[in-house]
Amino acid sequence: MTEPRYTSEHEWIRLDSGVATVGISAYAQEQLGDVVYVELPEVGRKVAAGDNMAVVESVKAASEVYAPVAGEVAEVNAALADKPETINEDAEGTGWFVRLKGVDAAAVSALMDADAYKKYVSSLD
């Protein structure tokens, strides 16, 4: 499994055997607070980089989740419907949102690595 890459909108993506798993960063879930609801896209939906592909609602706010790269939704994390708090517990692991197929590995590589993302986040505080 590859190291995760990050967007400036606080999504992470990890490419493994041609399938990209996407979620929101630990920083993003901390900013949101307790997650109470997640709206996920339909399997089979094609997304372009930057497209709104999901919504996450917390006790504080609702936020859109954007596709970090183009691809097709191959799978959604259906467990989040019953346990949205999984995002707070493990945002960059079991709290993933979608898996995308047909992604461009170069587009994933072009995103921020963990060190660059940490620097980016520290500049926001």
N, C-alpha and C. Protein backbone atom coordinates (compact mmCIF):
# COMPACT_ATOMS: atom_id res chain seq x y z
N MET A 1 0.85 -1.19 0.00
CA MET A 1 0.00 0.00 0.00
C MET A 1 0.89 1.24 0.00
N THR A 2 0.51 2.20 -0.78
CA THR A 2 1.30 3.43 -0.88
C THR A 2 0.98 4.37 0.28
N GLU A 3 1.87 5.33 0.45
CA GLU A 3 1.64 6.36 1.46
C GLU A 3 0.49 7.25 0.99
N PRO A 4 -0.28 7.79 1.92
CA PRO A 4 -1.38 8.66 1.50
C PRO A 4 -0.87 9.98 0.93
N ARG A 5 -1.67 10.56 0.06
CA ARG A 5 -1.45 11.90 -0.47
C ARG A 5 -2.62 12.75 -0.03
N TYR A 6 -2.43 14.06 -0.01
CA TYR A 6 -3.43 14.96 0.54
C TYR A 6 -3.74 16.11 -0.40
N THR A 7 -4.96 16.65 -0.27
CA THR A 7 -5.36 17.84 -1.03
C THR A 7 -5.45 19.03 -0.07
N SER A 8 -5.50 20.22 -0.65
CA SER A 8 -5.66 21.43 0.18
C SER A 8 -7.06 21.53 0.76
N GLU A 9 -7.99 20.69 0.29
CA GLU A 9 -9.35 20.64 0.87
C GLU A 9 -9.45 19.57 1.96
N HIS A 10 -8.31 18.96 2.31
CA HIS A 10 -8.20 18.01 3.43
C HIS A 10 -8.76 16.61 3.14
N GLU A 11 -8.73 16.21 1.87
CA GLU A 11 -9.00 14.81 1.56
C GLU A 11 -7.66 14.07 1.51
N TRP A 12 -7.70 12.78 1.82
CA TRP A 12 -6.52 11.94 1.61
C TRP A 12 -6.89 10.88 0.58
N ILE A 13 -5.88 10.36 -0.09
CA ILE A 13 -6.06 9.31 -1.08
C ILE A 13 -4.87 8.37 -0.99
N ARG A 14 -5.16 7.08 -1.06
CA ARG A 14 -4.10 6.06 -1.01
C ARG A 14 -4.36 5.10 -2.16
N LEU A 15 -3.38 4.94 -3.03
CA LEU A 15 -3.50 4.07 -4.20
C LEU A 15 -2.90 2.71 -3.89
N ASP A 16 -3.66 1.66 -4.14
CA ASP A 16 -3.19 0.30 -3.87
C ASP A 16 -3.72 -0.61 -4.98
N SER A 17 -2.82 -1.16 -5.76
CA SER A 17 -3.18 -2.07 -6.85
C SER A 17 -4.22 -1.47 -7.79
N GLY A 18 -4.05 -0.19 -8.12
CA GLY A 18 -4.93 0.46 -9.08
C GLY A 18 -6.24 0.98 -8.52
N VAL A 19 -6.49 0.73 -7.24
CA VAL A 19 -7.72 1.23 -6.61
C VAL A 19 -7.32 2.28 -5.57
N ALA A 20 -8.00 3.43 -5.63
CA ALA A 20 -7.68 4.53 -4.72
C ALA A 20 -8.75 4.64 -3.63
N THR A 21 -8.31 4.60 -2.39
CA THR A 21 -9.20 4.79 -1.25
C THR A 21 -9.13 6.26 -0.85
N VAL A 22 -10.30 6.87 -0.59
CA VAL A 22 -10.37 8.30 -0.32
C VAL A 22 -11.15 8.55 0.97
N GLY A 23 -10.69 9.52 1.75
CA GLY A 23 -11.40 9.94 2.95
C GLY A 23 -11.00 11.37 3.29
N ILE A 24 -11.40 11.81 4.49
CA ILE A 24 -10.98 13.13 4.96
C ILE A 24 -9.85 12.95 5.97
N SER A 25 -9.00 13.94 6.05
CA SER A 25 -7.83 13.85 6.92
C SER A 25 -8.21 13.92 8.40
N ALA A 26 -7.28 13.48 9.23
CA ALA A 26 -7.47 13.58 10.68
C ALA A 26 -7.68 15.04 11.07
N TYR A 27 -6.95 15.95 10.42
CA TYR A 27 -7.11 17.38 10.70
C TYR A 27 -8.54 17.82 10.40
N ALA A 28 -9.07 17.38 9.25
CA ALA A 28 -10.43 17.78 8.86
C ALA A 28 -11.46 17.29 9.87
N GLN A 29 -11.34 16.05 10.31
CA GLN A 29 -12.34 15.55 11.26
C GLN A 29 -12.21 16.26 12.60
N GLU A 30 -11.00 16.68 13.00
CA GLU A 30 -10.84 17.44 14.23
C GLU A 30 -11.56 18.79 14.11
N GLN A 31 -11.45 19.42 12.94
CA GLN A 31 -12.11 20.71 12.72
C GLN A 31 -13.62 20.57 12.72
N LEU A 32 -14.12 19.46 12.19
CA LEU A 32 -15.56 19.24 12.12
C LEU A 32 -16.18 18.94 13.47
N GLY A 33 -15.46 18.21 14.31
CA GLY A 33 -16.04 17.75 15.57
C GLY A 33 -16.78 16.43 15.33
N ASP A 34 -17.75 16.14 16.19
CA ASP A 34 -18.43 14.84 16.13
C ASP A 34 -19.24 14.70 14.84
N VAL A 35 -18.86 13.72 14.03
CA VAL A 35 -19.56 13.45 12.77
C VAL A 35 -20.85 12.69 13.07
N VAL A 36 -21.96 13.17 12.49
CA VAL A 36 -23.27 12.57 12.77
C VAL A 36 -23.94 11.98 11.53
N TYR A 37 -23.45 12.34 10.33
CA TYR A 37 -24.09 11.84 9.11
C TYR A 37 -23.13 11.95 7.94
N VAL A 38 -23.21 10.97 7.04
CA VAL A 38 -22.40 10.99 5.83
C VAL A 38 -23.29 10.65 4.65
N GLU A 39 -23.19 11.44 3.59
CA GLU A 39 -23.90 11.15 2.34
C GLU A 39 -22.85 10.74 1.32
N LEU A 40 -22.96 9.50 0.84
CA LEU A 40 -21.97 8.95 -0.08
C LEU A 40 -22.52 8.88 -1.50
N PRO A 41 -21.65 8.87 -2.50
CA PRO A 41 -22.11 8.82 -3.89
C PRO A 41 -22.57 7.41 -4.28
N GLU A 42 -23.21 7.33 -5.42
CA GLU A 42 -23.62 6.04 -5.97
C GLU A 42 -22.40 5.33 -6.55
N VAL A 43 -22.36 4.00 -6.37
CA VAL A 43 -21.33 3.20 -7.03
C VAL A 43 -21.55 3.33 -8.54
N GLY A 44 -20.47 3.48 -9.28
CA GLY A 44 -20.55 3.64 -10.73
C GLY A 44 -20.49 5.09 -11.18
N ARG A 45 -20.65 6.02 -10.23
CA ARG A 45 -20.59 7.44 -10.60
C ARG A 45 -19.17 7.82 -11.01
N LYS A 46 -19.05 8.53 -12.09
CA LYS A 46 -17.75 9.03 -12.53
C LYS A 46 -17.55 10.43 -11.95
N VAL A 47 -16.36 10.68 -11.42
CA VAL A 47 -16.05 11.99 -10.85
C VAL A 47 -14.80 12.55 -11.49
N ALA A 48 -14.77 13.86 -11.62
CA ALA A 48 -13.57 14.56 -12.07
C ALA A 48 -12.87 15.11 -10.84
N ALA A 49 -11.59 15.36 -10.95
CA ALA A 49 -10.85 15.95 -9.83
C ALA A 49 -11.54 17.25 -9.43
N GLY A 50 -11.80 17.40 -8.14
CA GLY A 50 -12.44 18.61 -7.63
C GLY A 50 -13.95 18.53 -7.54
N ASP A 51 -14.55 17.48 -8.11
CA ASP A 51 -16.01 17.32 -8.01
C ASP A 51 -16.44 17.05 -6.57
N ASN A 52 -17.59 17.60 -6.20
CA ASN A 52 -18.20 17.27 -4.92
C ASN A 52 -18.68 15.83 -5.04
N MET A 53 -18.20 14.94 -4.17
CA MET A 53 -18.62 13.54 -4.29
C MET A 53 -19.27 12.99 -3.03
N ALA A 54 -19.22 13.71 -1.93
CA ALA A 54 -19.85 13.24 -0.69
C ALA A 54 -20.08 14.46 0.20
N VAL A 55 -20.88 14.25 1.25
CA VAL A 55 -21.12 15.28 2.25
C VAL A 55 -20.93 14.65 3.61
N VAL A 56 -20.25 15.36 4.49
CA VAL A 56 -20.08 14.91 5.87
C VAL A 56 -20.67 15.99 6.77
N GLU A 57 -21.55 15.57 7.68
CA GLU A 57 -22.17 16.50 8.61
C GLU A 57 -21.72 16.20 10.02
N SER A 58 -21.45 17.28 10.75
CA SER A 58 -21.06 17.14 12.15
C SER A 58 -21.99 17.99 12.99
N VAL A 59 -21.76 17.97 14.29
CA VAL A 59 -22.55 18.81 15.18
C VAL A 59 -22.29 20.29 14.89
N LYS A 60 -21.14 20.61 14.27
CA LYS A 60 -20.77 22.00 13.98
C LYS A 60 -21.21 22.46 12.60
N ALA A 61 -21.04 21.61 11.58
CA ALA A 61 -21.24 22.07 10.21
C ALA A 61 -21.38 20.90 9.24
N ALA A 62 -21.79 21.22 8.03
CA ALA A 62 -21.79 20.24 6.94
C ALA A 62 -20.69 20.66 5.98
N SER A 63 -19.94 19.70 5.48
CA SER A 63 -18.86 19.99 4.55
C SER A 63 -18.92 19.04 3.37
N GLU A 64 -18.56 19.57 2.21
CA GLU A 64 -18.49 18.74 1.03
C GLU A 64 -17.14 18.04 0.99
N VAL A 65 -17.13 16.85 0.44
CA VAL A 65 -15.90 16.09 0.25
C VAL A 65 -15.68 16.03 -1.26
N TYR A 66 -14.50 16.44 -1.69
CA TYR A 66 -14.19 16.55 -3.10
C TYR A 66 -13.33 15.39 -3.58
N ALA A 67 -13.50 15.02 -4.83
CA ALA A 67 -12.66 13.97 -5.43
C ALA A 67 -11.25 14.53 -5.62
N PRO A 68 -10.24 13.88 -5.03
CA PRO A 68 -8.87 14.37 -5.20
C PRO A 68 -8.35 14.18 -6.63
N VAL A 69 -8.86 13.15 -7.31
CA VAL A 69 -8.49 12.85 -8.69
C VAL A 69 -9.73 12.33 -9.41
N ALA A 70 -9.64 12.24 -10.72
CA ALA A 70 -10.75 11.67 -11.50
C ALA A 70 -10.78 10.16 -11.35
N GLY A 71 -11.97 9.59 -11.43
CA GLY A 71 -12.11 8.14 -11.38
C GLY A 71 -13.57 7.76 -11.33
N GLU A 72 -13.81 6.48 -11.13
CA GLU A 72 -15.18 5.97 -11.02
C GLU A 72 -15.35 5.33 -9.65
N VAL A 73 -16.45 5.65 -8.98
CA VAL A 73 -16.72 5.09 -7.66
C VAL A 73 -16.93 3.58 -7.79
N ALA A 74 -16.02 2.82 -7.21
CA ALA A 74 -16.08 1.37 -7.28
C ALA A 74 -16.74 0.78 -6.03
N GLU A 75 -16.64 1.52 -4.92
CA GLU A 75 -17.16 1.03 -3.64
C GLU A 75 -17.35 2.21 -2.72
N VAL A 76 -18.36 2.13 -1.85
CA VAL A 76 -18.53 3.14 -0.80
C VAL A 76 -18.47 2.42 0.55
N ASN A 77 -18.09 3.15 1.56
CA ASN A 77 -17.99 2.58 2.91
C ASN A 77 -19.38 2.62 3.56
N ALA A 78 -20.19 1.62 3.25
CA ALA A 78 -21.57 1.57 3.73
C ALA A 78 -21.67 1.56 5.25
N ALA A 79 -20.62 1.10 5.93
CA ALA A 79 -20.63 1.06 7.39
C ALA A 79 -20.78 2.45 8.00
N LEU A 80 -20.42 3.49 7.26
CA LEU A 80 -20.53 4.86 7.78
C LEU A 80 -21.98 5.29 7.97
N ALA A 81 -22.91 4.67 7.25
CA ALA A 81 -24.33 5.03 7.41
C ALA A 81 -24.79 4.74 8.84
N ASP A 82 -24.36 3.61 9.39
CA ASP A 82 -24.75 3.23 10.75
C ASP A 82 -23.80 3.77 11.81
N LYS A 83 -22.54 3.98 11.43
CA LYS A 83 -21.53 4.43 12.41
C LYS A 83 -20.69 5.57 11.84
N PRO A 84 -21.31 6.76 11.61
CA PRO A 84 -20.52 7.87 11.06
C PRO A 84 -19.39 8.30 11.98
N GLU A 85 -19.50 7.98 13.26
CA GLU A 85 -18.45 8.36 14.21
C GLU A 85 -17.13 7.63 13.94
N THR A 86 -17.17 6.60 13.09
CA THR A 86 -15.94 5.92 12.67
C THR A 86 -14.96 6.92 12.08
N ILE A 87 -15.47 7.96 11.43
CA ILE A 87 -14.61 9.00 10.85
C ILE A 87 -13.82 9.70 11.95
N ASN A 88 -14.45 9.97 13.09
CA ASN A 88 -13.74 10.60 14.20
C ASN A 88 -12.73 9.64 14.82
N GLU A 89 -13.07 8.36 14.83
CA GLU A 89 -12.21 7.37 15.48
C GLU A 89 -10.99 7.01 14.64
N ASP A 90 -11.15 6.97 13.32
CA ASP A 90 -10.06 6.52 12.43
C ASP A 90 -10.24 7.12 11.05
N ALA A 91 -10.10 8.45 10.96
CA ALA A 91 -10.38 9.17 9.71
C ALA A 91 -9.54 8.67 8.54
N GLU A 92 -8.29 8.31 8.82
CA GLU A 92 -7.40 7.92 7.72
C GLU A 92 -7.23 6.40 7.63
N GLY A 93 -8.20 5.68 8.20
CA GLY A 93 -8.17 4.22 8.14
C GLY A 93 -9.56 3.69 7.84
N THR A 94 -10.21 3.12 8.87
CA THR A 94 -11.54 2.52 8.67
C THR A 94 -12.62 3.55 8.38
N GLY A 95 -12.32 4.84 8.54
CA GLY A 95 -13.28 5.90 8.25
C GLY A 95 -13.24 6.39 6.81
N TRP A 96 -12.69 5.58 5.91
CA TRP A 96 -12.63 5.97 4.49
C TRP A 96 -14.04 6.14 3.93
N PHE A 97 -14.16 6.92 2.85
CA PHE A 97 -15.46 7.22 2.23
C PHE A 97 -15.73 6.37 1.00
N VAL A 98 -14.82 6.44 0.02
CA VAL A 98 -15.04 5.75 -1.25
C VAL A 98 -13.76 5.11 -1.75
N ARG A 99 -13.94 4.16 -2.67
CA ARG A 99 -12.82 3.61 -3.42
C ARG A 99 -13.08 3.93 -4.88
N LEU A 100 -12.06 4.46 -5.55
CA LEU A 100 -12.16 4.85 -6.95
C LEU A 100 -11.31 3.93 -7.81
N LYS A 101 -11.85 3.59 -8.99
CA LYS A 101 -11.06 2.84 -9.96
C LYS A 101 -10.84 3.73 -11.18
N GLY A 102 -9.86 3.34 -11.99
CA GLY A 102 -9.57 4.10 -13.19
C GLY A 102 -8.89 5.42 -12.91
N VAL A 103 -8.13 5.49 -11.82
CA VAL A 103 -7.45 6.75 -11.48
C VAL A 103 -6.06 6.79 -12.12
N ASP A 104 -5.57 7.99 -12.34
CA ASP A 104 -4.25 8.21 -12.90
C ASP A 104 -3.24 8.27 -11.74
N ALA A 105 -2.32 7.31 -11.71
CA ALA A 105 -1.34 7.26 -10.63
C ALA A 105 -0.51 8.54 -10.57
N ALA A 106 -0.22 9.14 -11.71
CA ALA A 106 0.56 10.38 -11.73
C ALA A 106 -0.20 11.52 -11.06
N ALA A 107 -1.53 11.54 -11.23
CA ALA A 107 -2.35 12.57 -10.59
C ALA A 107 -2.30 12.42 -9.07
N VAL A 108 -2.30 11.17 -8.60
CA VAL A 108 -2.20 10.91 -7.16
C VAL A 108 -0.83 11.36 -6.66
N SER A 109 0.22 10.99 -7.37
CA SER A 109 1.59 11.35 -6.97
C SER A 109 1.80 12.85 -6.92
N ALA A 110 1.06 13.60 -7.73
CA ALA A 110 1.22 15.05 -7.79
C ALA A 110 0.65 15.76 -6.56
N LEU A 111 -0.16 15.07 -5.75
CA LEU A 111 -0.74 15.68 -4.55
C LEU A 111 0.31 15.76 -3.44
N MET A 112 -0.02 16.46 -2.36
CA MET A 112 0.92 16.64 -1.25
C MET A 112 1.20 15.33 -0.53
N ASP A 113 2.47 15.11 -0.18
CA ASP A 113 2.79 13.98 0.69
C ASP A 113 2.53 14.41 2.14
N ALA A 114 2.72 13.49 3.08
CA ALA A 114 2.39 13.77 4.48
C ALA A 114 3.15 14.97 5.03
N ASP A 115 4.43 15.09 4.71
CA ASP A 115 5.23 16.21 5.22
C ASP A 115 4.72 17.54 4.67
N ALA A 116 4.45 17.58 3.37
CA ALA A 116 3.95 18.82 2.76
C ALA A 116 2.58 19.18 3.34
N TYR A 117 1.75 18.17 3.58
CA TYR A 117 0.42 18.44 4.14
C TYR A 117 0.54 18.98 5.57
N LYS A 118 1.44 18.41 6.37
CA LYS A 118 1.65 18.92 7.73
C LYS A 118 2.06 20.39 7.71
N LYS A 119 2.96 20.74 6.80
CA LYS A 119 3.38 22.13 6.67
C LYS A 119 2.20 23.01 6.26
N TYR A 120 1.41 22.52 5.33
CA TYR A 120 0.23 23.26 4.85
C TYR A 120 -0.73 23.51 6.02
N VAL A 121 -1.04 22.46 6.78
CA VAL A 121 -1.98 22.58 7.90
C VAL A 121 -1.44 23.53 8.96
N SER A 122 -0.15 23.46 9.24
CA SER A 122 0.43 24.34 10.27
C SER A 122 0.33 25.80 9.83
N SER A 123 0.30 26.05 8.53
CA SER A 123 0.19 27.43 8.06
C SER A 123 -1.23 27.97 8.22
N LEU A 124 -2.19 27.10 8.48
CA LEU A 124 -3.59 27.51 8.64
C LEU A 124 -3.91 27.96 10.05
N ASP A 125 -3.16 27.46 11.01
CA ASP A 125 -3.46 27.74 12.43
C ASP A 125 -2.97 29.10 12.87
